[in-house]
Amino acid sequence: HVQLVESGGGSVQPGGSLRLSCVASADVYGSNCLGWFRQRPGKEREGVAAIDNDGTTDYVDSVKGRFTISKGNAKHILYLQMNSLKVEDTGLYYCAGDSLYDDIRYFLVAPGKIENWGQGTQVTVS
């Protein structure tokens, strides 16, 4: 049973930090590409950060140097550490995974074929 469950969202002031977690079922956690996406108010869903099975990571330019994606060592957990948060980071954050993709950059910029999504966790920076 495919499952992705996010947590860790909340409200913070600009400059603050949050760590998002996504607990994944084993089959999704083993996907070629795992990542975080967000939908900001009035905007389309966009890729934020991705990681592949080799541990290679990629980020959208707007979060480079502030966000870090990582996998849990012993559990099927995907993390997104978010530092120096900005008002424009406000949005609903989703984790996703799919083995159809084998390139994390493509996974980030063309998520239309991703089949496995979580329900989202809200991040508000104000």
C-alpha atoms as a PDB file:
ATOM      1  CA  HIS A   1       0.000   0.000   0.000  1.00  0.00           C
ATOM      2  CA  VAL A   2       1.584   3.225  -1.195  1.00  0.00           C
ATOM      3  CA  GLN A   3       1.672   5.850   1.495  1.00  0.00           C
ATOM      4  CA  LEU A   4       3.330   9.197   2.087  1.00  0.00           C
ATOM      5  CA  VAL A   5       2.519  11.183   5.231  1.00  0.00           C
ATOM      6  CA  GLU A   6       4.019  14.617   5.823  1.00  0.00           C
ATOM      7  CA  SER A   7       4.362  16.457   9.113  1.00  0.00           C
ATOM      8  CA  GLY A   8       6.311  19.310  10.624  1.00  0.00           C
ATOM      9  CA  GLY A   9       4.641  22.285   9.050  1.00  0.00           C
ATOM     10  CA  GLY A  10       3.657  25.312  11.072  1.00  0.00           C
ATOM     11  CA  SER A  11       3.872  29.061  11.418  1.00  0.00           C
ATOM     12  CA  VAL A  12       7.186  30.838  11.840  1.00  0.00           C
ATOM     13  CA  GLN A  13       8.587  34.322  11.522  1.00  0.00           C
ATOM     14  CA  PRO A  14      10.894  35.269   8.658  1.00  0.00           C
ATOM     15  CA  GLY A  15      14.374  33.974   9.342  1.00  0.00           C
ATOM     16  CA  GLY A  16      13.056  31.011  11.287  1.00  0.00           C
ATOM     17  CA  SER A  17      13.465  27.302  10.633  1.00  0.00           C
ATOM     18  CA  LEU A  18      11.265  24.256  10.229  1.00  0.00           C
ATOM     19  CA  ARG A  19      11.980  20.618   9.512  1.00  0.00           C
ATOM     20  CA  LEU A  20       9.443  18.725   7.469  1.00  0.00           C
ATOM     21  CA  SER A  21       9.218  14.945   7.671  1.00  0.00           C
ATOM     22  CA  CYS A  22       7.623  12.466   5.313  1.00  0.00           C
ATOM     23  CA  VAL A  23       7.079   8.873   6.375  1.00  0.00           C
ATOM     24  CA  ALA A  24       6.921   6.689   3.304  1.00  0.00           C
ATOM     25  CA  SER A  25       5.881   3.124   2.690  1.00  0.00           C
ATOM     26  CA  ALA A  26       8.759   0.892   1.695  1.00  0.00           C
ATOM     27  CA  ASP A  27       7.838   0.665  -1.956  1.00  0.00           C
ATOM     28  CA  VAL A  28       7.744   4.448  -2.415  1.00  0.00           C
ATOM     29  CA  TYR A  29      10.841   5.055  -0.296  1.00  0.00           C
ATOM     30  CA  GLY A  30      12.774   2.871  -2.718  1.00  0.00           C
ATOM     31  CA  SER A  31      11.795   5.010  -5.700  1.00  0.00           C
ATOM     32  CA  ASN A  32      14.491   6.379  -7.969  1.00  0.00           C
ATOM     33  CA  CYS A  33      13.481   9.910  -7.074  1.00  0.00           C
ATOM     34  CA  LEU A  34      12.029  11.350  -3.885  1.00  0.00           C
ATOM     35  CA  GLY A  35      11.336  14.972  -3.313  1.00  0.00           C
ATOM     36  CA  TRP A  36       9.462  17.900  -1.897  1.00  0.00           C
ATOM     37  CA  PHE A  37       7.118  20.124  -3.806  1.00  0.00           C
ATOM     38  CA  ARG A  38       5.096  23.140  -2.752  1.00  0.00           C
ATOM     39  CA  GLN A  39       2.092  25.074  -3.878  1.00  0.00           C
ATOM     40  CA  ARG A  40       2.244  28.715  -2.949  1.00  0.00           C
ATOM     41  CA  PRO A  41      -0.883  30.893  -2.903  1.00  0.00           C
ATOM     42  CA  GLY A  42      -1.973  31.701  -6.434  1.00  0.00           C
ATOM     43  CA  LYS A  43       0.829  29.661  -8.014  1.00  0.00           C
ATOM     44  CA  GLU A  44       1.191  26.238  -9.550  1.00  0.00           C
ATOM     45  CA  ARG A  45       2.837  23.367  -7.709  1.00  0.00           C
ATOM     46  CA  GLU A  46       6.625  23.571  -8.040  1.00  0.00           C
ATOM     47  CA  GLY A  47       9.530  21.349  -7.226  1.00  0.00           C
ATOM     48  CA  VAL A  48      11.615  22.383  -4.226  1.00  0.00           C
ATOM     49  CA  ALA A  49      14.172  19.641  -3.565  1.00  0.00           C
ATOM     50  CA  ALA A  50      14.856  16.112  -4.718  1.00  0.00           C
ATOM     51  CA  ILE A  51      17.155  13.212  -3.887  1.00  0.00           C
ATOM     52  CA  ASP A  52      17.954  10.024  -5.757  1.00  0.00           C
ATOM     53  CA  ASN A  53      19.027   6.587  -4.599  1.00  0.00           C
ATOM     54  CA  ASP A  54      22.693   7.579  -4.778  1.00  0.00           C
ATOM     55  CA  GLY A  55      22.073  10.506  -2.464  1.00  0.00           C
ATOM     56  CA  THR A  56      22.497  13.096  -5.171  1.00  0.00           C
ATOM     57  CA  THR A  57      20.383  16.162  -4.445  1.00  0.00           C
ATOM     58  CA  ASP A  58      18.980  19.030  -6.434  1.00  0.00           C
ATOM     59  CA  TYR A  59      17.133  22.195  -5.478  1.00  0.00           C
ATOM     60  CA  VAL A  60      15.167  24.967  -7.067  1.00  0.00           C
ATOM     61  CA  ASP A  61      17.345  28.083  -7.180  1.00  0.00           C
ATOM     62  CA  SER A  62      15.203  30.020  -4.716  1.00  0.00           C
ATOM     63  CA  VAL A  63      15.973  27.622  -1.844  1.00  0.00           C
ATOM     64  CA  LYS A  64      19.609  26.718  -2.535  1.00  0.00           C
ATOM     65  CA  GLY A  65      21.740  27.318   0.523  1.00  0.00           C
ATOM     66  CA  ARG A  66      18.685  27.476   2.798  1.00  0.00           C
ATOM     67  CA  PHE A  67      16.934  24.107   2.422  1.00  0.00           C
ATOM     68  CA  THR A  68      18.436  20.642   2.771  1.00  0.00           C
ATOM     69  CA  ILE A  69      16.792  17.391   1.712  1.00  0.00           C
ATOM     70  CA  SER A  70      17.901  14.164   3.344  1.00  0.00           C
ATOM     71  CA  LYS A  71      16.842  10.612   4.093  1.00  0.00           C
ATOM     72  CA  GLY A  72      16.545   9.090   7.536  1.00  0.00           C
ATOM     73  CA  ASN A  73      19.271   6.583   8.364  1.00  0.00           C
ATOM     74  CA  ALA A  74      17.155   3.822   9.835  1.00  0.00           C
ATOM     75  CA  LYS A  75      13.608   4.646   8.851  1.00  0.00           C
ATOM     76  CA  HIS A  76      11.703   5.330   5.692  1.00  0.00           C
ATOM     77  CA  ILE A  77      11.668   9.058   6.330  1.00  0.00           C
ATOM     78  CA  LEU A  78      12.398  11.911   4.004  1.00  0.00           C
ATOM     79  CA  TYR A  79      13.319  15.241   5.574  1.00  0.00           C
ATOM     80  CA  LEU A  80      13.384  18.830   4.423  1.00  0.00           C
ATOM     81  CA  GLN A  81      15.314  21.148   6.702  1.00  0.00           C
ATOM     82  CA  MET A  82      14.285  24.717   5.968  1.00  0.00           C
ATOM     83  CA  ASN A  83      16.376  27.569   7.348  1.00  0.00           C
ATOM     84  CA  SER A  84      16.256  31.322   6.824  1.00  0.00           C
ATOM     85  CA  LEU A  85      12.625  31.075   5.851  1.00  0.00           C
ATOM     86  CA  LYS A  86      11.098  33.881   3.838  1.00  0.00           C
ATOM     87  CA  VAL A  87       7.522  35.056   3.456  1.00  0.00           C
ATOM     88  CA  GLU A  88       7.580  33.723  -0.106  1.00  0.00           C
ATOM     89  CA  ASP A  89       8.243  30.207   1.197  1.00  0.00           C
ATOM     90  CA  THR A  90       4.667  30.097   2.488  1.00  0.00           C
ATOM     91  CA  GLY A  91       2.698  27.267   0.940  1.00  0.00           C
ATOM     92  CA  LEU A  92       1.464  23.709   1.137  1.00  0.00           C
ATOM     93  CA  TYR A  93       4.406  21.320   1.020  1.00  0.00           C
ATOM     94  CA  TYR A  94       4.080  17.822  -0.416  1.00  0.00           C
ATOM     95  CA  CYS A  95       6.437  14.901  -0.563  1.00  0.00           C
ATOM     96  CA  ALA A  96       6.414  12.638  -3.584  1.00  0.00           C
ATOM     97  CA  GLY A  97       8.222   9.684  -5.043  1.00  0.00           C
ATOM     98  CA  ASP A  98       8.272   7.819  -8.314  1.00  0.00           C
ATOM     99  CA  SER A  99      10.511   5.324 -10.063  1.00  0.00           C
ATOM    100  CA  LEU A 100       9.287   6.421 -13.487  1.00  0.00           C
ATOM    101  CA  TYR A 101      11.788   9.250 -13.246  1.00  0.00           C
ATOM    102  CA  ASP A 102      15.521   8.567 -13.291  1.00  0.00           C
ATOM    103  CA  ASP A 103      16.708  12.182 -13.279  1.00  0.00           C
ATOM    104  CA  ILE A 104      16.066  14.381 -10.246  1.00  0.00           C
ATOM    105  CA  ARG A 105      16.189  17.634 -12.206  1.00  0.00           C
ATOM    106  CA  TYR A 106      13.478  16.381 -14.533  1.00  0.00           C
ATOM    107  CA  PHE A 107      11.591  15.072 -11.489  1.00  0.00           C
ATOM    108  CA  LEU A 108      11.589  18.593 -10.064  1.00  0.00           C
ATOM    109  CA  VAL A 109      10.642  20.529 -13.164  1.00  0.00           C
ATOM    110  CA  ALA A 110       8.166  18.095 -14.766  1.00  0.00           C
ATOM    111  CA  PRO A 111       6.184  16.446 -11.971  1.00  0.00           C
ATOM    112  CA  GLY A 112       3.109  15.779 -14.060  1.00  0.00           C
ATOM    113  CA  LYS A 113       3.687  12.029 -14.209  1.00  0.00           C
ATOM    114  CA  ILE A 114       4.446  11.508 -10.514  1.00  0.00           C
ATOM    115  CA  GLU A 115       1.920   9.053  -9.136  1.00  0.00           C
ATOM    116  CA  ASN A 116       2.712   8.997  -5.414  1.00  0.00           C
ATOM    117  CA  TRP A 117       1.921  12.077  -3.349  1.00  0.00           C
ATOM    118  CA  GLY A 118       1.340  12.880   0.285  1.00  0.00           C
ATOM    119  CA  GLN A 119      -1.510  15.002   1.531  1.00  0.00           C
ATOM    120  CA  GLY A 120       0.629  18.050   2.268  1.00  0.00           C
ATOM    121  CA  THR A 121       1.657  20.063   5.300  1.00  0.00           C
ATOM    122  CA  GLN A 122       1.166  23.816   5.571  1.00  0.00           C
ATOM    123  CA  VAL A 123       4.095  26.172   6.064  1.00  0.00           C
ATOM    124  CA  THR A 124       3.312  29.786   6.892  1.00  0.00           C
ATOM    125  CA  VAL A 125       6.024  32.423   7.200  1.00  0.00           C
ATOM    126  CA  SER A 126       4.810  35.801   8.412  1.00  0.00           C
END
